[in-house]
Amino acid sequence: MKKHFLIKALVVITTSLLLGCGSDNKTVTLTLGHTHNTRHVVHVAMEYMAKRIEHHSGGTMEMVIYPGAQLGDEREMIELLQIGSLSMTKVSASPLEGFVPEMQVFAIPYLMRSHKHFWEVLEGDVGQDLLKKTESVRLKGLGYFDAGSRSFYSSYGPINSPEDLIGKKIRVLNSPTAVAAVQALGGAATPIAWGELYAALQQGVVDGAENNPPSYYISRHYEIAKYYSLDEHTFVPDVILASLPVWNALNSAQQGWLTAAMADAIKHQKVLWKAAEEDALAAVIAGGAIVSYPDKAAFQALMVDFHASFADSPVAEQIIQIKKM
């Protein structure tokens, strides 16, 4: 706990120095915190972003990365951004709905028809407008990282139909929409912090969870929840956020360099993610996981009424209207 406090204090001091030197020739240091370990493809992409911002700025900007939830969970780091005590973070879009309600669309199962549809949404007006909405809560949405599709895994058997979820405790993201969606499918949705999930699965606090293949593999959840059913119910992106106070303290050139580094990192991360998904599935199968590909029709059928409950959501309607690529 003491170490955790000291690291947070260091970030506050570092960011305070940034806010005081944005207009001179000193090196500007951006601090970035996230919850993944250093093996995760998102961390690797962030390291690449750090190199690119140094390149674009001619060495006048640098990025210091704090992985592994050293600075707290996603909500805690968002709050550090809001007060300008942390420069940047990565969060899943679903917990962000507590700050930007429109982000709930990403937690609606089967709203995205495919991976291509997903990226058309993110790179089009809908996705970019959602990034802009973060400014109302003192955040600056910089861009999206691919987090693939989320599928169910369990310790008790394959989840190949909604009936296999009935009465089972399933860990979900800290999102009211994600909770409601799993409940609509018959499961008992249980939000648990990512760092606590391995123990929760091991101790039987939850019967299963849902996530993408790289996270399922790197977390080693496949060791205790070996049934992985690729139903691909949601595509929830990672959102790269900056502190709006920190962003405003940068001059226009520095903002441009950060924007360029973000664009470079997005392209690089897409390539890394595709390879990571393939490698992760091969690795968990080799490690004893049983991977199945359920018929999605039964799951989708239970979502008709759930989708109808979002009939008044302009964002959801815009996503539905985006044509298939």
C-alpha atoms as a PDB file:
ATOM      1  CA  MET A   1       0.000   0.000   0.000  1.00  0.00           C
ATOM      2  CA  LYS A   2       2.865   2.360   0.912  1.00  0.00           C
ATOM      3  CA  LYS A   3       4.603   1.580  -2.379  1.00  0.00           C
ATOM      4  CA  HIS A   4       1.332   2.220  -4.241  1.00  0.00           C
ATOM      5  CA  PHE A   5       1.011   5.631  -2.580  1.00  0.00           C
ATOM      6  CA  LEU A   6       4.617   6.566  -3.344  1.00  0.00           C
ATOM      7  CA  ILE A   7       4.230   5.714  -7.023  1.00  0.00           C
ATOM      8  CA  LYS A   8       1.064   7.839  -7.232  1.00  0.00           C
ATOM      9  CA  ALA A   9       2.920  10.697  -5.559  1.00  0.00           C
ATOM     10  CA  LEU A  10       5.711  10.390  -8.131  1.00  0.00           C
ATOM     11  CA  VAL A  11       3.196  10.607 -10.952  1.00  0.00           C
ATOM     12  CA  VAL A  12       1.643  13.735  -9.429  1.00  0.00           C
ATOM     13  CA  ILE A  13       5.073  15.395  -9.186  1.00  0.00           C
ATOM     14  CA  THR A  14       6.053  14.367 -12.722  1.00  0.00           C
ATOM     15  CA  THR A  15       2.819  15.643 -14.222  1.00  0.00           C
ATOM     16  CA  SER A  16       3.079  18.898 -12.260  1.00  0.00           C
ATOM     17  CA  LEU A  17       6.480  19.430 -13.848  1.00  0.00           C
ATOM     18  CA  LEU A  18       4.895  18.820 -17.269  1.00  0.00           C
ATOM     19  CA  LEU A  19       2.213  21.423 -16.663  1.00  0.00           C
ATOM     20  CA  GLY A  20       4.879  23.974 -15.802  1.00  0.00           C
ATOM     21  CA  CYS A  21       7.159  23.434 -18.759  1.00  0.00           C
ATOM     22  CA  GLY A  22       4.944  23.045 -21.806  1.00  0.00           C
ATOM     23  CA  SER A  23       6.143  26.294 -23.370  1.00  0.00           C
ATOM     24  CA  ASP A  24       9.930  26.064 -22.929  1.00  0.00           C
ATOM     25  CA  ASN A  25      12.668  23.847 -24.321  1.00  0.00           C
ATOM     26  CA  LYS A  26      12.712  21.267 -21.520  1.00  0.00           C
ATOM     27  CA  THR A  27      11.819  17.661 -22.225  1.00  0.00           C
ATOM     28  CA  VAL A  28       8.112  17.081 -21.610  1.00  0.00           C
ATOM     29  CA  THR A  29       7.399  13.838 -19.760  1.00  0.00           C
ATOM     30  CA  LEU A  30       4.034  12.148 -20.195  1.00  0.00           C
ATOM     31  CA  THR A  31       3.054   9.499 -17.655  1.00  0.00           C
ATOM     32  CA  LEU A  32       0.880   6.594 -18.793  1.00  0.00           C
ATOM     33  CA  GLY A  33      -0.670   3.961 -16.528  1.00  0.00           C
ATOM     34  CA  HIS A  34      -2.560   0.784 -17.426  1.00  0.00           C
ATOM     35  CA  THR A  35      -3.627  -2.530 -15.864  1.00  0.00           C
ATOM     36  CA  HIS A  36      -2.013  -5.086 -18.206  1.00  0.00           C
ATOM     37  CA  ASN A  37       1.271  -6.849 -17.589  1.00  0.00           C
ATOM     38  CA  THR A  38       4.299  -6.199 -19.779  1.00  0.00           C
ATOM     39  CA  ARG A  39       3.647  -9.269 -21.939  1.00  0.00           C
ATOM     40  CA  HIS A  40       0.310  -7.960 -23.166  1.00  0.00           C
ATOM     41  CA  VAL A  41       0.079  -6.689 -26.736  1.00  0.00           C
ATOM     42  CA  VAL A  42      -1.400  -3.400 -25.485  1.00  0.00           C
ATOM     43  CA  HIS A  43       1.697  -2.721 -23.402  1.00  0.00           C
ATOM     44  CA  VAL A  44       3.929  -3.537 -26.362  1.00  0.00           C
ATOM     45  CA  ALA A  45       1.942  -1.077 -28.500  1.00  0.00           C
ATOM     46  CA  MET A  46       2.321   1.583 -25.823  1.00  0.00           C
ATOM     47  CA  GLU A  47       6.075   1.086 -25.790  1.00  0.00           C
ATOM     48  CA  TYR A  48       5.982   1.633 -29.543  1.00  0.00           C
ATOM     49  CA  MET A  49       3.934   4.805 -29.022  1.00  0.00           C
ATOM     50  CA  ALA A  50       6.594   6.045 -26.592  1.00  0.00           C
ATOM     51  CA  LYS A  51       9.263   5.561 -29.262  1.00  0.00           C
ATOM     52  CA  ARG A  52       7.144   7.320 -31.876  1.00  0.00           C
ATOM     53  CA  ILE A  53       6.454  10.382 -29.728  1.00  0.00           C
ATOM     54  CA  GLU A  54      10.166  10.687 -29.060  1.00  0.00           C
ATOM     55  CA  HIS A  55      10.748  10.428 -32.816  1.00  0.00           C
ATOM     56  CA  HIS A  56       8.079  12.946 -33.829  1.00  0.00           C
ATOM     57  CA  SER A  57       9.158  15.449 -31.187  1.00  0.00           C
ATOM     58  CA  GLY A  58      12.850  15.190 -31.966  1.00  0.00           C
ATOM     59  CA  GLY A  59      13.494  13.948 -28.440  1.00  0.00           C
ATOM     60  CA  THR A  60      11.711  16.812 -26.694  1.00  0.00           C
ATOM     61  CA  MET A  61       8.869  14.585 -25.437  1.00  0.00           C
ATOM     62  CA  GLU A  62       9.044  11.249 -23.641  1.00  0.00           C
ATOM     63  CA  MET A  63       6.565   8.792 -22.178  1.00  0.00           C
ATOM     64  CA  VAL A  64       6.988   6.867 -18.929  1.00  0.00           C
ATOM     65  CA  ILE A  65       4.738   3.792 -18.664  1.00  0.00           C
ATOM     66  CA  TYR A  66       3.426   2.251 -15.422  1.00  0.00           C
ATOM     67  CA  PRO A  67       1.950  -1.195 -16.248  1.00  0.00           C
ATOM     68  CA  GLY A  68       0.293  -3.819 -14.077  1.00  0.00           C
ATOM     69  CA  ALA A  69      -2.163  -1.546 -12.218  1.00  0.00           C
ATOM     70  CA  GLN A  70       0.688   0.107 -10.314  1.00  0.00           C
ATOM     71  CA  LEU A  71      -1.379   3.289 -10.198  1.00  0.00           C
ATOM     72  CA  GLY A  72      -4.714   1.655  -9.433  1.00  0.00           C
ATOM     73  CA  ASP A  73      -7.593   0.162 -11.375  1.00  0.00           C
ATOM     74  CA  GLU A  74      -9.095   1.729 -14.481  1.00  0.00           C
ATOM     75  CA  ARG A  75     -11.531   3.958 -12.621  1.00  0.00           C
ATOM     76  CA  GLU A  76      -8.829   5.224 -10.271  1.00  0.00           C
ATOM     77  CA  MET A  77      -6.591   6.130 -13.193  1.00  0.00           C
ATOM     78  CA  ILE A  78      -9.428   7.936 -14.966  1.00  0.00           C
ATOM     79  CA  GLU A  79      -9.884  10.011 -11.825  1.00  0.00           C
ATOM     80  CA  LEU A  80      -6.143  10.786 -11.770  1.00  0.00           C
ATOM     81  CA  LEU A  81      -6.494  12.015 -15.352  1.00  0.00           C
ATOM     82  CA  GLN A  82      -9.384  14.266 -14.455  1.00  0.00           C
ATOM     83  CA  ILE A  83      -7.341  16.160 -11.879  1.00  0.00           C
ATOM     84  CA  GLY A  84      -4.244  16.253 -14.085  1.00  0.00           C
ATOM     85  CA  SER A  85      -2.170  13.940 -11.874  1.00  0.00           C
ATOM     86  CA  LEU A  86      -1.645  11.386 -14.645  1.00  0.00           C
ATOM     87  CA  SER A  87      -1.121  12.156 -18.332  1.00  0.00           C
ATOM     88  CA  MET A  88      -2.620   9.113 -20.056  1.00  0.00           C
ATOM     89  CA  THR A  89      -4.235   5.746 -19.505  1.00  0.00           C
ATOM     90  CA  LYS A  90      -5.875   2.860 -21.323  1.00  0.00           C
ATOM     91  CA  VAL A  91      -9.339   1.731 -20.292  1.00  0.00           C
ATOM     92  CA  SER A  92     -11.896  -0.636 -21.711  1.00  0.00           C
ATOM     93  CA  ALA A  93     -14.828   1.264 -23.202  1.00  0.00           C
ATOM     94  CA  SER A  94     -17.336  -0.494 -20.928  1.00  0.00           C
ATOM     95  CA  PRO A  95     -16.195   0.924 -17.556  1.00  0.00           C
ATOM     96  CA  LEU A  96     -15.936   4.304 -19.291  1.00  0.00           C
ATOM     97  CA  GLU A  97     -19.735   4.361 -19.638  1.00  0.00           C
ATOM     98  CA  GLY A  98     -19.844   5.526 -16.007  1.00  0.00           C
ATOM     99  CA  PHE A  99     -18.309   8.779 -17.280  1.00  0.00           C
ATOM    100  CA  VAL A 100     -19.660   8.865 -20.849  1.00  0.00           C
ATOM    101  CA  PRO A 101     -23.017   7.002 -20.898  1.00  0.00           C
ATOM    102  CA  GLU A 102     -23.011   6.650 -24.690  1.00  0.00           C
ATOM    103  CA  MET A 103     -20.073   4.232 -24.394  1.00  0.00           C
ATOM    104  CA  GLN A 104     -22.622   1.629 -23.293  1.00  0.00           C
ATOM    105  CA  VAL A 105     -23.194   0.682 -26.934  1.00  0.00           C
ATOM    106  CA  PHE A 106     -20.029  -1.426 -26.939  1.00  0.00           C
ATOM    107  CA  ALA A 107     -21.446  -3.677 -24.200  1.00  0.00           C
ATOM    108  CA  ILE A 108     -24.596  -4.512 -26.183  1.00  0.00           C
ATOM    109  CA  PRO A 109     -24.179  -8.119 -27.399  1.00  0.00           C
ATOM    110  CA  TYR A 110     -24.234  -8.720 -31.128  1.00  0.00           C
ATOM    111  CA  LEU A 111     -24.705  -5.075 -32.010  1.00  0.00           C
ATOM    112  CA  MET A 112     -21.454  -5.278 -33.982  1.00  0.00           C
ATOM    113  CA  ARG A 113     -21.889  -7.649 -36.891  1.00  0.00           C
ATOM    114  CA  SER A 114     -18.219  -8.347 -37.547  1.00  0.00           C
ATOM    115  CA  HIS A 115     -14.689  -7.184 -36.880  1.00  0.00           C
ATOM    116  CA  LYS A 116     -14.837  -5.063 -40.039  1.00  0.00           C
ATOM    117  CA  HIS A 117     -18.109  -3.472 -38.950  1.00  0.00           C
ATOM    118  CA  PHE A 118     -16.520  -2.762 -35.569  1.00  0.00           C
ATOM    119  CA  TRP A 119     -13.617  -0.839 -37.099  1.00  0.00           C
ATOM    120  CA  GLU A 120     -15.884   1.014 -39.499  1.00  0.00           C
ATOM    121  CA  VAL A 121     -17.776   2.262 -36.428  1.00  0.00           C
ATOM    122  CA  LEU A 122     -14.611   3.262 -34.551  1.00  0.00           C
ATOM    123  CA  GLU A 123     -12.976   5.087 -37.456  1.00  0.00           C
ATOM    124  CA  GLY A 124     -16.164   6.756 -38.638  1.00  0.00           C
ATOM    125  CA  ASP A 125     -18.241   9.593 -37.226  1.00  0.00           C
ATOM    126  CA  VAL A 126     -19.758   7.475 -34.448  1.00  0.00           C
ATOM    127  CA  GLY A 127     -16.451   6.414 -32.950  1.00  0.00           C
ATOM    128  CA  GLN A 128     -14.841   9.824 -33.285  1.00  0.00           C
ATOM    129  CA  ASP A 129     -17.854  11.587 -31.771  1.00  0.00           C
ATOM    130  CA  LEU A 130     -17.675   9.253 -28.773  1.00  0.00           C
ATOM    131  CA  LEU A 131     -14.035  10.217 -28.250  1.00  0.00           C
ATOM    132  CA  LYS A 132     -14.994  13.899 -28.269  1.00  0.00           C
ATOM    133  CA  LYS A 133     -17.675  13.330 -25.633  1.00  0.00           C
ATOM    134  CA  THR A 134     -14.965  12.486 -23.092  1.00  0.00           C
ATOM    135  CA  GLU A 135     -13.981  16.164 -23.007  1.00  0.00           C
ATOM    136  CA  SER A 136     -17.100  16.983 -20.971  1.00  0.00           C
ATOM    137  CA  VAL A 137     -15.567  15.004 -18.074  1.00  0.00           C
ATOM    138  CA  ARG A 138     -12.036  16.481 -18.302  1.00  0.00           C
ATOM    139  CA  LEU A 139     -10.688  13.691 -20.497  1.00  0.00           C
ATOM    140  CA  LYS A 140      -9.281  13.709 -24.019  1.00  0.00           C
ATOM    141  CA  GLY A 141     -10.050  10.661 -26.165  1.00  0.00           C
ATOM    142  CA  LEU A 142      -6.999  10.032 -28.337  1.00  0.00           C
ATOM    143  CA  GLY A 143      -7.948   6.822 -30.121  1.00  0.00           C
ATOM    144  CA  TYR A 144      -8.892   3.147 -29.949  1.00  0.00           C
ATOM    145  CA  PHE A 145      -6.875  -0.039 -29.658  1.00  0.00           C
ATOM    146  CA  ASP A 146      -8.240  -3.358 -30.904  1.00  0.00           C
ATOM    147  CA  ALA A 147      -9.378  -5.626 -28.086  1.00  0.00           C
ATOM    148  CA  GLY A 148     -10.999  -8.185 -30.366  1.00  0.00           C
ATOM    149  CA  SER A 149     -14.225  -9.914 -29.432  1.00  0.00           C
ATOM    150  CA  ARG A 150     -15.241 -11.111 -25.997  1.00  0.00           C
ATOM    151  CA  SER A 151     -16.351 -14.720 -25.491  1.00  0.00           C
ATOM    152  CA  PHE A 152     -17.335 -16.833 -22.501  1.00  0.00           C
ATOM    153  CA  TYR A 153     -15.090 -19.229 -20.617  1.00  0.00           C
ATOM    154  CA  SER A 154     -15.869 -21.385 -17.606  1.00  0.00           C
ATOM    155  CA  SER A 155     -14.573 -23.970 -15.175  1.00  0.00           C
ATOM    156  CA  TYR A 156     -17.711 -26.147 -15.284  1.00  0.00           C
ATOM    157  CA  GLY A 157     -18.162 -26.961 -18.981  1.00  0.00           C
ATOM    158  CA  PRO A 158     -18.628 -25.373 -22.409  1.00  0.00           C
ATOM    159  CA  ILE A 159     -21.078 -22.497 -22.855  1.00  0.00           C
ATOM    160  CA  ASN A 160     -22.516 -23.478 -26.205  1.00  0.00           C
ATOM    161  CA  SER A 161     -26.079 -22.251 -25.605  1.00  0.00           C
ATOM    162  CA  PRO A 162     -27.781 -19.727 -23.308  1.00  0.00           C
ATOM    163  CA  GLU A 163     -29.013 -22.641 -21.196  1.00  0.00           C
ATOM    164  CA  ASP A 164     -25.414 -23.279 -20.172  1.00  0.00           C
ATOM    165  CA  LEU A 165     -25.346 -19.861 -18.472  1.00  0.00           C
ATOM    166  CA  ILE A 166     -28.464 -20.282 -16.334  1.00  0.00           C
ATOM    167  CA  GLY A 167     -27.681 -19.787 -12.674  1.00  0.00           C
ATOM    168  CA  LYS A 168     -23.939 -19.475 -13.250  1.00  0.00           C
ATOM    169  CA  LYS A 169     -21.899 -16.625 -11.782  1.00  0.00           C
ATOM    170  CA  ILE A 170     -20.075 -14.934 -14.664  1.00  0.00           C
ATOM    171  CA  ARG A 171     -17.526 -12.181 -14.125  1.00  0.00           C
ATOM    172  CA  VAL A 172     -18.193  -9.153 -16.309  1.00  0.00           C
ATOM    173  CA  LEU A 173     -16.707  -5.701 -16.755  1.00  0.00           C
ATOM    174  CA  ASN A 174     -17.824  -2.991 -14.347  1.00  0.00           C
ATOM    175  CA  SER A 175     -20.568  -1.873 -16.696  1.00  0.00           C
ATOM    176  CA  PRO A 176     -24.323  -1.761 -16.003  1.00  0.00           C
ATOM    177  CA  THR A 177     -24.958  -2.714 -19.626  1.00  0.00           C
ATOM    178  CA  ALA A 178     -22.629  -5.728 -19.457  1.00  0.00           C
ATOM    179  CA  VAL A 179     -24.360  -6.845 -16.257  1.00  0.00           C
ATOM    180  CA  ALA A 180     -27.813  -6.512 -17.823  1.00  0.00           C
ATOM    181  CA  ALA A 181     -26.709  -8.361 -20.966  1.00  0.00           C
ATOM    182  CA  VAL A 182     -25.451 -11.446 -19.134  1.00  0.00           C
ATOM    183  CA  GLN A 183     -28.564 -11.449 -16.960  1.00  0.00           C
ATOM    184  CA  ALA A 184     -30.684 -11.348 -20.124  1.00  0.00           C
ATOM    185  CA  LEU A 185     -28.878 -14.501 -21.237  1.00  0.00           C
ATOM    186  CA  GLY A 186     -29.663 -16.223 -17.941  1.00  0.00           C
ATOM    187  CA  GLY A 187     -26.353 -15.791 -16.126  1.00  0.00           C
ATOM    188  CA  ALA A 188     -25.649 -14.153 -12.779  1.00  0.00           C
ATOM    189  CA  ALA A 189     -23.392 -11.258 -13.768  1.00  0.00           C
ATOM    190  CA  THR A 190     -20.686 -10.430 -11.221  1.00  0.00           C
ATOM    191  CA  PRO A 191     -18.366  -7.433 -11.718  1.00  0.00           C
ATOM    192  CA  ILE A 192     -14.902  -8.201 -10.310  1.00  0.00           C
ATOM    193  CA  ALA A 193     -11.649  -6.307 -10.788  1.00  0.00           C
ATOM    194  CA  TRP A 194      -9.410  -7.904 -13.398  1.00  0.00           C
ATOM    195  CA  GLY A 195      -6.531  -8.360 -10.958  1.00  0.00           C
ATOM    196  CA  GLU A 196      -8.766 -10.334  -8.594  1.00  0.00           C
ATOM    197  CA  LEU A 197     -10.307 -12.642 -11.187  1.00  0.00           C
ATOM    198  CA  TYR A 198      -7.777 -15.495 -11.155  1.00  0.00           C
ATOM    199  CA  ALA A 199      -8.325 -16.031  -7.428  1.00  0.00           C
ATOM    200  CA  ALA A 200     -12.096 -15.655  -7.834  1.00  0.00           C
ATOM    201  CA  LEU A 201     -12.141 -18.416 -10.458  1.00  0.00           C
ATOM    202  CA  GLN A 202      -9.803 -20.589  -8.403  1.00  0.00           C
ATOM    203  CA  GLN A 203     -11.909 -20.225  -5.251  1.00  0.00           C
ATOM    204  CA  GLY A 204     -15.238 -20.660  -7.023  1.00  0.00           C
ATOM    205  CA  VAL A 205     -16.421 -17.128  -6.303  1.00  0.00           C
ATOM    206  CA  VAL A 206     -17.407 -17.070  -9.975  1.00  0.00           C
ATOM    207  CA  ASP A 207     -18.010 -19.962 -12.359  1.00  0.00           C
ATOM    208  CA  GLY A 208     -16.679 -18.230 -15.432  1.00  0.00           C
ATOM    209  CA  ALA A 209     -15.899 -14.990 -17.183  1.00  0.00           C
ATOM    210  CA  GLU A 210     -15.663 -13.497 -20.662  1.00  0.00           C
ATOM    211  CA  ASN A 211     -12.790 -11.927 -22.521  1.00  0.00           C
ATOM    212  CA  ASN A 212     -10.690 -11.996 -25.677  1.00  0.00           C
ATOM    213  CA  PRO A 213      -8.144 -14.753 -26.468  1.00  0.00           C
ATOM    214  CA  PRO A 214      -4.930 -12.833 -25.572  1.00  0.00           C
ATOM    215  CA  SER A 215      -6.304 -11.834 -22.165  1.00  0.00           C
ATOM    216  CA  TYR A 216      -7.586 -15.377 -21.530  1.00  0.00           C
ATOM    217  CA  TYR A 217      -4.108 -16.695 -22.287  1.00  0.00           C
ATOM    218  CA  ILE A 218      -1.841 -14.136 -20.605  1.00  0.00           C
ATOM    219  CA  SER A 219      -3.960 -14.153 -17.425  1.00  0.00           C
ATOM    220  CA  ARG A 220      -3.554 -17.954 -17.312  1.00  0.00           C
ATOM    221  CA  HIS A 221      -7.274 -18.256 -16.668  1.00  0.00           C
ATOM    222  CA  TYR A 222      -7.300 -21.254 -19.028  1.00  0.00           C
ATOM    223  CA  GLU A 223      -5.534 -23.241 -16.286  1.00  0.00           C
ATOM    224  CA  ILE A 224      -8.644 -23.168 -14.066  1.00  0.00           C
ATOM    225  CA  ALA A 225     -11.411 -22.291 -16.538  1.00  0.00           C
ATOM    226  CA  LYS A 226     -10.503 -24.519 -19.462  1.00  0.00           C
ATOM    227  CA  TYR A 227     -13.739 -24.311 -21.447  1.00  0.00           C
ATOM    228  CA  TYR A 228     -13.579 -21.422 -23.929  1.00  0.00           C
ATOM    229  CA  SER A 229     -16.642 -20.891 -26.130  1.00  0.00           C
ATOM    230  CA  LEU A 230     -16.053 -18.421 -28.943  1.00  0.00           C
ATOM    231  CA  ASP A 231     -19.516 -16.907 -29.145  1.00  0.00           C
ATOM    232  CA  GLU A 232     -18.026 -13.406 -29.797  1.00  0.00           C
ATOM    233  CA  HIS A 233     -20.919 -11.596 -28.136  1.00  0.00           C
ATOM    234  CA  THR A 234     -19.296  -8.168 -27.959  1.00  0.00           C
ATOM    235  CA  PHE A 235     -16.505  -6.135 -29.520  1.00  0.00           C
ATOM    236  CA  VAL A 236     -15.351  -3.736 -26.804  1.00  0.00           C
ATOM    237  CA  PRO A 237     -12.425  -1.508 -27.784  1.00  0.00           C
ATOM    238  CA  ASP A 238      -9.704  -0.195 -25.542  1.00  0.00           C
ATOM    239  CA  VAL A 239      -9.773   3.594 -25.349  1.00  0.00           C
ATOM    240  CA  ILE A 240      -6.580   5.617 -24.991  1.00  0.00           C
ATOM    241  CA  LEU A 241      -7.305   8.673 -22.889  1.00  0.00           C
ATOM    242  CA  ALA A 242      -5.292  11.749 -21.995  1.00  0.00           C
ATOM    243  CA  SER A 243      -5.930  14.148 -19.166  1.00  0.00           C
ATOM    244  CA  LEU A 244      -7.677  17.200 -20.609  1.00  0.00           C
ATOM    245  CA  PRO A 245      -5.736  19.533 -18.242  1.00  0.00           C
ATOM    246  CA  VAL A 246      -2.470  17.939 -19.404  1.00  0.00           C
ATOM    247  CA  TRP A 247      -3.532  18.088 -23.057  1.00  0.00           C
ATOM    248  CA  ASN A 248      -4.384  21.772 -22.719  1.00  0.00           C
ATOM    249  CA  ALA A 249      -0.968  22.421 -21.165  1.00  0.00           C
ATOM    250  CA  LEU A 250       0.734  21.166 -24.339  1.00  0.00           C
ATOM    251  CA  ASN A 251       1.373  23.611 -27.157  1.00  0.00           C
ATOM    252  CA  SER A 252      -0.046  22.912 -30.623  1.00  0.00           C
ATOM    253  CA  ALA A 253       3.155  21.285 -31.881  1.00  0.00           C
ATOM    254  CA  GLN A 254       3.278  18.933 -28.907  1.00  0.00           C
ATOM    255  CA  GLN A 255      -0.378  18.033 -29.351  1.00  0.00           C
ATOM    256  CA  GLY A 256       0.363  17.245 -32.990  1.00  0.00           C
ATOM    257  CA  TRP A 257       3.302  15.000 -32.097  1.00  0.00           C
ATOM    258  CA  LEU A 258       1.190  13.089 -29.573  1.00  0.00           C
ATOM    259  CA  THR A 259      -1.622  12.709 -32.120  1.00  0.00           C
ATOM    260  CA  ALA A 260       0.839  11.397 -34.728  1.00  0.00           C
ATOM    261  CA  ALA A 261       2.341   8.926 -32.250  1.00  0.00           C
ATOM    262  CA  MET A 262      -1.149   7.715 -31.374  1.00  0.00           C
ATOM    263  CA  ALA A 263      -1.967   7.123 -35.063  1.00  0.00           C
ATOM    264  CA  ASP A 264       1.275   5.170 -35.498  1.00  0.00           C
ATOM    265  CA  ALA A 265       0.531   3.056 -32.438  1.00  0.00           C
ATOM    266  CA  ILE A 266      -3.017   2.241 -33.616  1.00  0.00           C
ATOM    267  CA  LYS A 267      -1.720   0.868 -36.927  1.00  0.00           C
ATOM    268  CA  HIS A 268       0.999  -1.124 -35.181  1.00  0.00           C
ATOM    269  CA  GLN A 269      -1.343  -2.483 -32.528  1.00  0.00           C
ATOM    270  CA  LYS A 270      -3.788  -3.816 -35.130  1.00  0.00           C
ATOM    271  CA  VAL A 271      -1.026  -5.982 -36.596  1.00  0.00           C
ATOM    272  CA  LEU A 272       0.163  -7.083 -33.162  1.00  0.00           C
ATOM    273  CA  TRP A 273      -3.381  -7.920 -32.071  1.00  0.00           C
ATOM    274  CA  LYS A 274      -4.127 -10.203 -35.015  1.00  0.00           C
ATOM    275  CA  ALA A 275      -0.971 -12.216 -34.387  1.00  0.00           C
ATOM    276  CA  ALA A 276      -1.610 -12.253 -30.629  1.00  0.00           C
ATOM    277  CA  GLU A 277      -5.113 -13.702 -31.088  1.00  0.00           C
ATOM    278  CA  GLU A 278      -3.823 -16.517 -33.284  1.00  0.00           C
ATOM    279  CA  ASP A 279      -0.920 -17.283 -30.961  1.00  0.00           C
ATOM    280  CA  ALA A 280      -3.126 -17.162 -27.861  1.00  0.00           C
ATOM    281  CA  LEU A 281      -5.669 -19.654 -29.197  1.00  0.00           C
ATOM    282  CA  ALA A 282      -2.907 -22.064 -30.211  1.00  0.00           C
ATOM    283  CA  ALA A 283      -1.247 -21.695 -26.805  1.00  0.00           C
ATOM    284  CA  VAL A 284      -4.375 -22.283 -24.696  1.00  0.00           C
ATOM    285  CA  ILE A 285      -5.290 -25.356 -26.751  1.00  0.00           C
ATOM    286  CA  ALA A 286      -1.771 -26.689 -26.241  1.00  0.00           C
ATOM    287  CA  GLY A 287      -2.207 -25.933 -22.543  1.00  0.00           C
ATOM    288  CA  GLY A 288      -5.329 -28.071 -22.262  1.00  0.00           C
ATOM    289  CA  ALA A 289      -8.132 -25.603 -22.946  1.00  0.00           C
ATOM    290  CA  ILE A 290     -11.168 -26.925 -24.797  1.00  0.00           C
ATOM    291  CA  VAL A 291     -12.195 -24.373 -27.437  1.00  0.00           C
ATOM    292  CA  SER A 292     -15.627 -24.564 -29.032  1.00  0.00           C
ATOM    293  CA  TYR A 293     -17.493 -22.504 -31.622  1.00  0.00           C
ATOM    294  CA  PRO A 294     -21.153 -22.331 -30.587  1.00  0.00           C
ATOM    295  CA  ASP A 295     -24.013 -21.466 -32.885  1.00  0.00           C
ATOM    296  CA  LYS A 296     -24.635 -17.784 -32.187  1.00  0.00           C
ATOM    297  CA  ALA A 297     -28.266 -17.859 -33.311  1.00  0.00           C
ATOM    298  CA  ALA A 298     -29.669 -18.907 -29.934  1.00  0.00           C
ATOM    299  CA  PHE A 299     -27.734 -16.179 -28.135  1.00  0.00           C
ATOM    300  CA  GLN A 300     -28.785 -13.580 -30.703  1.00  0.00           C
ATOM    301  CA  ALA A 301     -32.436 -14.580 -30.390  1.00  0.00           C
ATOM    302  CA  LEU A 302     -32.411 -13.706 -26.687  1.00  0.00           C
ATOM    303  CA  MET A 303     -31.026 -10.279 -27.511  1.00  0.00           C
ATOM    304  CA  VAL A 304     -34.021  -9.073 -29.555  1.00  0.00           C
ATOM    305  CA  ASP A 305     -35.811  -7.528 -26.555  1.00  0.00           C
ATOM    306  CA  PHE A 306     -32.528  -6.312 -25.107  1.00  0.00           C
ATOM    307  CA  HIS A 307     -31.723  -4.468 -28.350  1.00  0.00           C
ATOM    308  CA  ALA A 308     -35.223  -3.007 -28.363  1.00  0.00           C
ATOM    309  CA  SER A 309     -34.541  -1.450 -24.964  1.00  0.00           C
ATOM    310  CA  PHE A 310     -31.967   0.772 -26.681  1.00  0.00           C
ATOM    311  CA  ALA A 311     -34.424   2.014 -29.318  1.00  0.00           C
ATOM    312  CA  ASP A 312     -34.047   5.563 -28.017  1.00  0.00           C
ATOM    313  CA  SER A 313     -30.243   5.497 -28.257  1.00  0.00           C
ATOM    314  CA  PRO A 314     -29.093   7.557 -31.273  1.00  0.00           C
ATOM    315  CA  VAL A 315     -25.630   5.974 -31.066  1.00  0.00           C
ATOM    316  CA  ALA A 316     -26.966   2.418 -31.172  1.00  0.00           C
ATOM    317  CA  GLU A 317     -29.199   3.305 -34.113  1.00  0.00           C
ATOM    318  CA  GLN A 318     -26.259   4.851 -35.977  1.00  0.00           C
ATOM    319  CA  ILE A 319     -24.247   1.655 -35.471  1.00  0.00           C
ATOM    320  CA  ILE A 320     -27.113  -0.503 -36.737  1.00  0.00           C
ATOM    321  CA  GLN A 321     -27.416   1.673 -39.851  1.00  0.00           C
ATOM    322  CA  ILE A 322     -23.720   1.403 -40.758  1.00  0.00           C
ATOM    323  CA  LYS A 323     -23.589  -0.980 -43.672  1.00  0.00           C
ATOM    324  CA  LYS A 324     -21.543  -4.121 -43.750  1.00  0.00           C
ATOM    325  CA  MET A 325     -18.122  -3.841 -45.348  1.00  0.00           C
END
